[in-house]
């Protein structure tokens, strides 16, 4: 009986070691996934700052949105949406050359970016260049053959500009 108890104890010890090894392996695996999760959180830092910037833009706080957009672009410099919103914020603050630069960068990455094309047209109107705004409208005609809100808005602003 003592031998069977001894073998039982050895079996339980072996089972315990196996469980401990499995726990360690699982813990190691979760450390791996948390490190990949933390690397993805560094990626999401750009999107968190972009989301925060959009909140500022929607509230009309363009000056506060700019550093957040710049932070987002530091994480992802080829984000045409962030570049477009940066151009928009600069334009709303009257920084027309910075706005033009941001729109051009956005369109260099994504030439068919509908919002950037509309906003660039609006910028051209602010720069008193309705001829260039009309070129953006022509491009939006091609990008939105069935019509779109951006095309309609730029058309209305061009019409309003011509009337003034």
N, C-alpha and C. Protein backbone atom coordinates (compact mmCIF):
# COMPACT_ATOMS: atom_id res chain seq x y z
N UNK A 1 0.83 -1.18 0.00
CA UNK A 1 0.00 0.00 0.00
C UNK A 1 0.88 1.26 0.00
N UNK A 2 1.98 1.17 0.70
CA UNK A 2 2.86 2.31 0.73
C UNK A 2 3.41 2.60 -0.66
N UNK A 3 3.70 1.56 -1.46
CA UNK A 3 4.21 1.78 -2.80
C UNK A 3 3.16 2.47 -3.66
N UNK A 4 1.91 2.03 -3.55
CA UNK A 4 0.87 2.65 -4.37
C UNK A 4 0.67 4.11 -3.97
N UNK A 5 0.78 4.41 -2.68
CA UNK A 5 0.67 5.79 -2.23
C UNK A 5 1.86 6.60 -2.77
N UNK A 6 3.02 5.97 -2.77
CA UNK A 6 4.22 6.64 -3.29
C UNK A 6 4.05 6.93 -4.79
N UNK A 7 3.56 5.93 -5.54
CA UNK A 7 3.35 6.13 -6.97
C UNK A 7 2.27 7.18 -7.23
N UNK A 8 1.25 7.16 -6.38
CA UNK A 8 0.19 8.17 -6.51
C UNK A 8 0.77 9.57 -6.29
N UNK A 9 1.63 9.70 -5.28
CA UNK A 9 2.25 10.98 -4.99
C UNK A 9 3.13 11.42 -6.16
N UNK A 10 3.88 10.47 -6.75
CA UNK A 10 4.72 10.80 -7.90
C UNK A 10 3.84 11.23 -9.07
N UNK A 11 2.74 10.51 -9.28
CA UNK A 11 1.81 10.85 -10.37
C UNK A 11 1.21 12.23 -10.18
N UNK A 12 0.82 12.51 -8.93
CA UNK A 12 0.23 13.83 -8.66
C UNK A 12 1.28 14.93 -8.82
N UNK A 13 2.50 14.64 -8.40
CA UNK A 13 3.58 15.63 -8.57
C UNK A 13 3.83 15.89 -10.05
N UNK A 14 3.86 14.82 -10.83
CA UNK A 14 4.07 14.97 -12.27
C UNK A 14 2.93 15.75 -12.89
N UNK A 15 1.71 15.44 -12.47
CA UNK A 15 0.55 16.16 -13.00
C UNK A 15 0.63 17.63 -12.61
N UNK A 16 1.04 17.89 -11.37
CA UNK A 16 1.18 19.27 -10.91
C UNK A 16 2.24 20.01 -11.69
N UNK A 17 3.37 19.33 -11.97
CA UNK A 17 4.42 19.95 -12.77
C UNK A 17 3.92 20.23 -14.18
N UNK A 18 3.15 19.31 -14.73
CA UNK A 18 2.59 19.52 -16.08
C UNK A 18 1.67 20.73 -16.08
N UNK A 19 0.83 20.83 -15.06
CA UNK A 19 -0.07 21.98 -14.97
C UNK A 19 0.72 23.27 -14.80
N UNK A 20 1.76 23.21 -13.99
CA UNK A 20 2.59 24.39 -13.79
C UNK A 20 3.26 24.79 -15.10
N UNK A 21 3.75 23.79 -15.84
CA UNK A 21 4.38 24.09 -17.13
C UNK A 21 3.36 24.68 -18.10
N UNK A 22 2.14 24.11 -18.11
CA UNK A 22 1.10 24.65 -19.00
C UNK A 22 0.74 26.07 -18.58
N UNK A 23 0.65 26.32 -17.28
CA UNK A 23 0.33 27.67 -16.81
C UNK A 23 1.41 28.66 -17.22
N UNK A 24 2.66 28.21 -17.08
CA UNK A 24 3.77 29.09 -17.48
C UNK A 24 3.72 29.37 -18.96
N UNK A 25 3.42 28.34 -19.75
CA UNK A 25 3.34 28.53 -21.20
C UNK A 25 2.20 29.49 -21.54
N UNK A 26 1.06 29.32 -20.87
CA UNK A 26 -0.06 30.23 -21.12
C UNK A 26 0.28 31.65 -20.69
N UNK A 27 0.93 31.76 -19.54
CA UNK A 27 1.32 33.09 -19.08
C UNK A 27 2.30 33.72 -20.05
N UNK A 28 3.24 32.92 -20.55
CA UNK A 28 4.19 33.44 -21.53
C UNK A 28 3.47 33.87 -22.78
N UNK A 29 2.50 33.08 -23.21
CA UNK A 29 1.71 33.43 -24.40
C UNK A 29 0.94 34.70 -24.20
N UNK A 30 0.39 34.89 -22.99
CA UNK A 30 -0.37 36.12 -22.77
C UNK A 30 0.56 37.32 -22.69
N UNK A 31 1.79 37.10 -22.18
CA UNK A 31 2.74 38.21 -22.19
C UNK A 31 3.03 38.61 -23.63
N UNK A 32 3.20 37.61 -24.49
CA UNK A 32 3.44 37.90 -25.90
C UNK A 32 2.30 38.72 -26.49
N UNK A 33 1.06 38.28 -26.21
CA UNK A 33 -0.05 38.99 -26.82
C UNK A 33 -0.20 40.37 -26.22
N UNK A 34 0.14 40.52 -24.92
CA UNK A 34 0.03 41.86 -24.37
C UNK A 34 1.11 42.77 -24.93
N UNK A 35 2.29 42.18 -25.25
CA UNK A 35 3.29 43.05 -25.86
C UNK A 35 2.87 43.42 -27.27
N UNK A 36 2.22 42.50 -27.97
CA UNK A 36 1.74 42.88 -29.30
C UNK A 36 0.58 43.86 -29.15
N UNK A 37 -0.18 43.69 -28.07
CA UNK A 37 -1.26 44.63 -27.83
C UNK A 37 -0.70 46.01 -27.50
N UNK A 38 0.42 46.03 -26.75
CA UNK A 38 0.97 47.35 -26.46
C UNK A 38 1.57 47.98 -27.71
N UNK A 39 2.09 47.14 -28.64
CA UNK A 39 2.56 47.74 -29.88
C UNK A 39 1.39 48.23 -30.70
N UNK A 40 0.24 47.54 -30.61
CA UNK A 40 -0.91 48.04 -31.35
C UNK A 40 -1.48 49.28 -30.65
N UNK A 41 -1.27 49.38 -29.32
CA UNK A 41 -1.75 50.60 -28.67
C UNK A 41 -0.89 51.79 -29.07
N UNK A 42 0.39 51.53 -29.41
CA UNK A 42 1.17 52.66 -29.92
C UNK A 42 0.67 53.06 -31.30
N UNK A 43 0.17 52.07 -32.05
CA UNK A 43 -0.44 52.41 -33.34
C UNK A 43 -1.74 53.18 -33.10
N UNK A 44 -2.50 52.75 -32.09
CA UNK A 44 -3.78 53.41 -31.85
C UNK A 44 -3.59 54.78 -31.23
N UNK A 45 -2.38 55.07 -30.73
CA UNK A 45 -2.15 56.41 -30.19
C UNK A 45 -2.39 57.46 -31.28
N UNK A 46 -1.99 57.12 -32.51
CA UNK A 46 -2.27 58.02 -33.61
C UNK A 46 -3.75 58.18 -33.83
N UNK A 47 -4.48 57.09 -33.76
CA UNK A 47 -5.92 57.20 -33.98
C UNK A 47 -6.62 57.84 -32.79
N UNK A 48 -6.09 57.64 -31.58
CA UNK A 48 -6.67 58.32 -30.41
C UNK A 48 -6.51 59.83 -30.56
N UNK A 49 -5.34 60.26 -30.99
CA UNK A 49 -5.15 61.71 -31.15
C UNK A 49 -6.00 62.22 -32.32
N UNK A 50 -6.17 61.38 -33.36
CA UNK A 50 -7.03 61.78 -34.48
C UNK A 50 -8.48 61.93 -34.00
N UNK A 51 -8.94 60.97 -33.19
CA UNK A 51 -10.31 61.04 -32.66
C UNK A 51 -10.48 62.27 -31.78
N UNK A 52 -9.49 62.54 -30.95
CA UNK A 52 -9.55 63.73 -30.09
C UNK A 52 -9.55 65.00 -30.95
N UNK A 53 -8.76 64.99 -32.02
CA UNK A 53 -8.73 66.15 -32.93
C UNK A 53 -10.09 66.37 -33.57
N UNK A 54 -10.73 65.29 -33.98
CA UNK A 54 -12.05 65.41 -34.61
C UNK A 54 -13.08 65.99 -33.64
N UNK A 55 -12.96 65.62 -32.38
CA UNK A 55 -13.85 66.19 -31.36
C UNK A 55 -13.63 67.70 -31.27
N UNK A 56 -12.37 68.12 -31.29
CA UNK A 56 -12.05 69.56 -31.26
C UNK A 56 -12.57 70.26 -32.50
N UNK A 57 -12.37 69.64 -33.67
CA UNK A 57 -12.83 70.25 -34.92
C UNK A 57 -14.34 70.39 -34.92
N UNK A 58 -15.04 69.35 -34.49
CA UNK A 58 -16.50 69.41 -34.45
C UNK A 58 -17.01 70.48 -33.49
N UNK A 59 -16.19 70.82 -32.49
CA UNK A 59 -16.55 71.88 -31.55
C UNK A 59 -16.08 73.25 -32.03
N UNK A 60 -15.40 73.29 -33.21
CA UNK A 60 -14.92 74.55 -33.75
C UNK A 60 -13.61 75.01 -33.13
N UNK A 61 -12.94 74.14 -32.38
CA UNK A 61 -11.68 74.48 -31.73
C UNK A 61 -10.52 74.00 -32.60
N UNK A 62 -10.32 74.70 -33.72
CA UNK A 62 -9.33 74.29 -34.72
C UNK A 62 -7.90 74.41 -34.20
N UNK A 63 -7.63 75.43 -33.40
CA UNK A 63 -6.28 75.63 -32.87
C UNK A 63 -5.85 74.45 -32.00
N UNK A 64 -6.78 73.91 -31.21
CA UNK A 64 -6.45 72.75 -30.36
C UNK A 64 -6.37 71.46 -31.18
N UNK A 65 -7.04 71.43 -32.31
CA UNK A 65 -7.02 70.22 -33.14
C UNK A 65 -5.67 70.04 -33.84
N UNK A 66 -5.01 71.13 -34.17
CA UNK A 66 -3.77 71.05 -34.97
C UNK A 66 -2.68 70.22 -34.29
N UNK A 67 -2.34 70.47 -33.02
CA UNK A 67 -1.29 69.63 -32.42
C UNK A 67 -1.70 68.16 -32.31
N UNK A 68 -2.98 67.90 -32.12
CA UNK A 68 -3.45 66.52 -32.06
C UNK A 68 -3.32 65.84 -33.42
N UNK A 69 -3.62 66.58 -34.47
CA UNK A 69 -3.46 66.03 -35.82
C UNK A 69 -1.98 65.82 -36.13
N UNK A 70 -1.14 66.73 -35.70
CA UNK A 70 0.30 66.56 -35.91
C UNK A 70 0.81 65.34 -35.15
N UNK A 71 0.28 65.10 -33.97
CA UNK A 71 0.64 63.90 -33.19
C UNK A 71 0.18 62.65 -33.93
N UNK A 72 -1.01 62.68 -34.46
CA UNK A 72 -1.51 61.55 -35.23
C UNK A 72 -0.63 61.29 -36.45
N UNK A 73 -0.24 62.36 -37.12
CA UNK A 73 0.60 62.23 -38.31
C UNK A 73 2.02 61.77 -37.97
N UNK A 74 2.48 62.04 -36.77
CA UNK A 74 3.79 61.54 -36.36
C UNK A 74 3.76 60.02 -36.30
N UNK A 75 2.60 59.46 -35.93
CA UNK A 75 2.43 58.00 -35.88
C UNK A 75 2.17 57.41 -37.26
N UNK A 76 1.48 58.17 -38.09
CA UNK A 76 1.10 57.68 -39.42
C UNK A 76 1.15 58.85 -40.40
N UNK A 77 2.35 59.16 -40.92
CA UNK A 77 2.50 60.35 -41.76
C UNK A 77 1.77 60.27 -43.10
N UNK A 78 1.33 59.10 -43.48
CA UNK A 78 0.66 58.96 -44.78
C UNK A 78 -0.85 58.77 -44.61
N UNK A 79 -1.40 59.38 -43.58
CA UNK A 79 -2.84 59.30 -43.34
C UNK A 79 -3.52 60.47 -44.05
N UNK A 80 -4.16 60.22 -45.19
CA UNK A 80 -4.75 61.34 -45.93
C UNK A 80 -5.89 62.01 -45.18
N UNK A 81 -6.59 61.27 -44.32
CA UNK A 81 -7.68 61.88 -43.56
C UNK A 81 -7.14 62.88 -42.55
N UNK A 82 -6.06 62.51 -41.86
CA UNK A 82 -5.47 63.43 -40.88
C UNK A 82 -4.89 64.65 -41.59
N UNK A 83 -4.26 64.44 -42.74
CA UNK A 83 -3.73 65.57 -43.51
C UNK A 83 -4.86 66.47 -43.99
N UNK A 84 -5.96 65.88 -44.43
CA UNK A 84 -7.11 66.67 -44.87
C UNK A 84 -7.67 67.51 -43.72
N UNK A 85 -7.81 66.90 -42.56
CA UNK A 85 -8.35 67.63 -41.41
C UNK A 85 -7.37 68.70 -40.93
N UNK A 86 -6.07 68.43 -41.07
CA UNK A 86 -5.07 69.45 -40.75
C UNK A 86 -5.22 70.64 -41.69
N UNK A 87 -5.39 70.36 -42.98
CA UNK A 87 -5.63 71.43 -43.95
C UNK A 87 -6.89 72.20 -43.63
N UNK A 88 -7.94 71.49 -43.25
CA UNK A 88 -9.21 72.11 -42.89
C UNK A 88 -9.03 73.05 -41.69
N UNK A 89 -8.32 72.55 -40.66
CA UNK A 89 -8.12 73.36 -39.45
C UNK A 89 -7.29 74.61 -39.75
N UNK A 90 -6.22 74.41 -40.51
CA UNK A 90 -5.42 75.58 -40.90
C UNK A 90 -6.26 76.58 -41.69
N UNK A 91 -7.07 76.08 -42.61
CA UNK A 91 -7.90 76.97 -43.44
C UNK A 91 -8.88 77.76 -42.58
N UNK A 92 -9.48 77.09 -41.62
CA UNK A 92 -10.45 77.77 -40.76
C UNK A 92 -9.78 78.85 -39.91
N UNK A 93 -8.49 78.69 -39.63
CA UNK A 93 -7.75 79.68 -38.85
C UNK A 93 -7.11 80.75 -39.73
N UNK A 94 -7.27 80.61 -41.06
CA UNK A 94 -6.72 81.60 -41.98
C UNK A 94 -5.27 81.36 -42.37
N UNK A 95 -4.72 80.21 -42.01
CA UNK A 95 -3.34 79.86 -42.38
C UNK A 95 -3.37 79.16 -43.74
N UNK A 96 -3.54 79.96 -44.79
CA UNK A 96 -3.85 79.41 -46.10
C UNK A 96 -2.69 78.62 -46.72
N UNK A 97 -1.47 79.07 -46.55
CA UNK A 97 -0.35 78.32 -47.16
C UNK A 97 -0.14 76.98 -46.46
N UNK A 98 -0.31 76.95 -45.13
CA UNK A 98 -0.21 75.67 -44.40
C UNK A 98 -1.34 74.74 -44.82
N UNK A 99 -2.52 75.32 -45.02
CA UNK A 99 -3.67 74.55 -45.46
C UNK A 99 -3.41 73.93 -46.84
N UNK A 100 -2.91 74.75 -47.75
CA UNK A 100 -2.61 74.28 -49.10
C UNK A 100 -1.60 73.13 -49.06
N UNK A 101 -0.59 73.28 -48.24
CA UNK A 101 0.44 72.25 -48.11
C UNK A 101 -0.17 70.93 -47.62
N UNK A 102 -1.03 71.01 -46.61
CA UNK A 102 -1.64 69.79 -46.06
C UNK A 102 -2.56 69.12 -47.08
N UNK A 103 -3.37 69.91 -47.78
CA UNK A 103 -4.25 69.33 -48.81
C UNK A 103 -3.44 68.66 -49.92
N UNK A 104 -2.38 69.33 -50.34
CA UNK A 104 -1.54 68.75 -51.41
C UNK A 104 -0.92 67.43 -50.97
N UNK A 105 -0.48 67.36 -49.72
CA UNK A 105 0.09 66.11 -49.20
C UNK A 105 -0.98 65.01 -49.16
N UNK A 106 -2.18 65.36 -48.71
CA UNK A 106 -3.28 64.38 -48.66
C UNK A 106 -3.58 63.86 -50.06
N UNK A 107 -3.64 64.76 -51.02
CA UNK A 107 -3.99 64.37 -52.39
C UNK A 107 -2.83 63.66 -53.10
N UNK A 108 -1.62 63.89 -52.66
CA UNK A 108 -0.48 63.14 -53.22
C UNK A 108 -0.58 61.67 -52.80
N UNK A 109 -1.12 61.44 -51.61
CA UNK A 109 -1.28 60.07 -51.10
C UNK A 109 -2.53 59.43 -51.70
N UNK A 110 -3.62 60.20 -51.72
CA UNK A 110 -4.89 59.68 -52.22
C UNK A 110 -5.55 60.73 -53.13
N UNK A 111 -5.20 60.71 -54.41
CA UNK A 111 -5.68 61.75 -55.33
C UNK A 111 -7.21 61.86 -55.43
N UNK A 112 -7.91 60.78 -55.16
CA UNK A 112 -9.37 60.79 -55.28
C UNK A 112 -10.07 61.02 -53.94
N UNK A 113 -9.37 61.57 -52.99
CA UNK A 113 -9.95 61.86 -51.67
C UNK A 113 -11.01 62.95 -51.86
N UNK A 114 -12.24 62.57 -51.74
CA UNK A 114 -13.35 63.49 -52.07
C UNK A 114 -13.36 64.72 -51.16
N UNK A 115 -13.20 64.51 -49.86
CA UNK A 115 -13.24 65.66 -48.95
C UNK A 115 -12.08 66.61 -49.21
N UNK A 116 -10.87 66.06 -49.40
CA UNK A 116 -9.71 66.93 -49.65
C UNK A 116 -9.89 67.72 -50.94
N UNK A 117 -10.48 67.10 -51.95
CA UNK A 117 -10.71 67.82 -53.20
C UNK A 117 -11.73 68.94 -53.02
N UNK A 118 -12.78 68.67 -52.25
CA UNK A 118 -13.76 69.73 -51.98
C UNK A 118 -13.12 70.86 -51.19
N UNK A 119 -12.42 70.51 -50.10
CA UNK A 119 -11.84 71.54 -49.24
C UNK A 119 -10.77 72.34 -49.96
N UNK A 120 -10.03 71.69 -50.85
CA UNK A 120 -9.04 72.41 -51.64
C UNK A 120 -9.75 73.44 -52.52
N UNK A 121 -10.89 73.07 -53.09
CA UNK A 121 -11.67 74.02 -53.88
C UNK A 121 -12.12 75.20 -53.03
N UNK A 122 -12.55 74.92 -51.80
CA UNK A 122 -12.97 76.00 -50.90
C UNK A 122 -11.78 76.90 -50.54
N UNK A 123 -10.62 76.27 -50.35
CA UNK A 123 -9.41 77.05 -50.07
C UNK A 123 -9.10 77.97 -51.24
N UNK A 124 -9.21 77.44 -52.46
CA UNK A 124 -8.95 78.27 -53.64
C UNK A 124 -9.88 79.48 -53.68
N UNK A 125 -11.12 79.30 -53.25
CA UNK A 125 -12.02 80.45 -53.19
C UNK A 125 -11.52 81.47 -52.16
N UNK A 126 -11.06 81.00 -51.00
CA UNK A 126 -10.52 81.92 -50.00
C UNK A 126 -9.30 82.65 -50.53
N UNK A 127 -8.56 81.98 -51.41
CA UNK A 127 -7.35 82.58 -51.99
C UNK A 127 -7.70 83.45 -53.21
N UNK A 128 -9.00 83.59 -53.45
CA UNK A 128 -9.50 84.37 -54.59
C UNK A 128 -9.04 83.79 -55.92
N UNK A 129 -9.12 82.46 -56.01
CA UNK A 129 -8.76 81.73 -57.22
C UNK A 129 -9.93 80.84 -57.66
N UNK A 130 -11.05 81.46 -58.06
CA UNK A 130 -12.22 80.67 -58.44
C UNK A 130 -11.94 79.75 -59.63
N UNK A 131 -10.98 80.11 -60.48
CA UNK A 131 -10.63 79.26 -61.61
C UNK A 131 -10.12 77.90 -61.12
N UNK A 132 -9.30 77.90 -60.08
CA UNK A 132 -8.78 76.65 -59.52
C UNK A 132 -9.87 75.89 -58.76
N UNK A 133 -10.77 76.63 -58.11
CA UNK A 133 -11.89 75.99 -57.42
C UNK A 133 -12.77 75.24 -58.43
N UNK A 134 -12.97 75.85 -59.61
CA UNK A 134 -13.77 75.20 -60.65
C UNK A 134 -13.08 73.93 -61.16
N UNK A 135 -11.75 73.93 -61.17
CA UNK A 135 -11.04 72.70 -61.55
C UNK A 135 -11.30 71.59 -60.54
N UNK A 136 -11.36 71.95 -59.27
CA UNK A 136 -11.68 70.96 -58.24
C UNK A 136 -13.10 70.45 -58.41
N UNK A 137 -14.00 71.36 -58.79
CA UNK A 137 -15.38 70.95 -59.03
C UNK A 137 -15.46 69.98 -60.21
N UNK A 138 -14.71 70.24 -61.26
CA UNK A 138 -14.67 69.33 -62.41
C UNK A 138 -14.17 67.96 -61.98
N UNK A 139 -13.17 67.94 -61.13
CA UNK A 139 -12.66 66.66 -60.62
C UNK A 139 -13.72 65.95 -59.78
N UNK A 140 -14.42 66.69 -58.95
CA UNK A 140 -15.50 66.09 -58.15
C UNK A 140 -16.63 65.57 -59.03
N UNK A 141 -16.88 66.22 -60.17
CA UNK A 141 -17.87 65.70 -61.12
C UNK A 141 -17.48 64.29 -61.57
N UNK A 142 -16.19 64.09 -61.80
CA UNK A 142 -15.70 62.77 -62.23
C UNK A 142 -15.71 61.77 -61.08
N UNK A 143 -15.37 62.24 -59.87
CA UNK A 143 -15.32 61.34 -58.71
C UNK A 143 -16.71 60.96 -58.21
N UNK A 144 -17.68 61.83 -58.46
CA UNK A 144 -19.05 61.61 -57.99
C UNK A 144 -20.01 61.72 -59.17
N UNK A 145 -19.97 60.77 -60.11
CA UNK A 145 -20.80 60.91 -61.31
C UNK A 145 -22.31 60.98 -61.00
N UNK A 146 -22.70 60.39 -59.87
CA UNK A 146 -24.12 60.47 -59.49
C UNK A 146 -24.38 61.61 -58.52
N UNK A 147 -23.36 62.41 -58.29
CA UNK A 147 -23.48 63.52 -57.36
C UNK A 147 -23.08 63.08 -55.96
N UNK A 148 -22.63 64.02 -55.16
CA UNK A 148 -22.29 63.76 -53.77
C UNK A 148 -22.36 65.08 -53.02
N UNK A 149 -22.41 64.99 -51.72
CA UNK A 149 -22.54 66.17 -50.88
C UNK A 149 -21.38 67.14 -51.10
N UNK A 150 -20.18 66.61 -51.23
CA UNK A 150 -19.00 67.46 -51.39
C UNK A 150 -19.07 68.26 -52.69
N UNK A 151 -19.50 67.62 -53.75
CA UNK A 151 -19.64 68.29 -55.04
C UNK A 151 -20.69 69.40 -54.94
N UNK A 152 -21.81 69.07 -54.32
CA UNK A 152 -22.90 70.04 -54.16
C UNK A 152 -22.43 71.24 -53.34
N UNK A 153 -21.73 70.99 -52.25
CA UNK A 153 -21.28 72.08 -51.40
C UNK A 153 -20.29 72.99 -52.13
N UNK A 154 -19.35 72.39 -52.85
CA UNK A 154 -18.40 73.22 -53.58
C UNK A 154 -19.10 74.01 -54.67
N UNK A 155 -20.04 73.40 -55.36
CA UNK A 155 -20.81 74.09 -56.40
C UNK A 155 -21.53 75.31 -55.81
N UNK A 156 -22.16 75.11 -54.64
CA UNK A 156 -22.87 76.21 -53.98
C UNK A 156 -21.92 77.33 -53.57
N UNK A 157 -20.75 76.97 -53.08
CA UNK A 157 -19.79 77.99 -52.66
C UNK A 157 -19.22 78.74 -53.87
N UNK A 158 -19.01 78.03 -54.95
CA UNK A 158 -18.54 78.70 -56.18
C UNK A 158 -19.62 79.65 -56.68
N UNK A 159 -20.86 79.18 -56.69
CA UNK A 159 -21.98 80.03 -57.13
C UNK A 159 -22.11 81.26 -56.24
N UNK A 160 -21.95 81.08 -54.95
CA UNK A 160 -22.02 82.20 -54.00
C UNK A 160 -20.86 83.15 -54.20
N UNK A 161 -19.72 82.61 -54.53
CA UNK A 161 -18.53 83.44 -54.75
C UNK A 161 -18.72 84.31 -55.99
N UNK A 162 -19.27 83.72 -57.04
CA UNK A 162 -19.46 84.45 -58.30
C UNK A 162 -20.49 85.55 -58.10
N UNK A 163 -21.41 85.32 -57.20
CA UNK A 163 -22.46 86.32 -56.97
C UNK A 163 -21.98 87.49 -56.12
N UNK A 164 -20.83 87.36 -55.51
CA UNK A 164 -20.40 88.47 -54.61
C UNK A 164 -19.45 89.42 -55.30
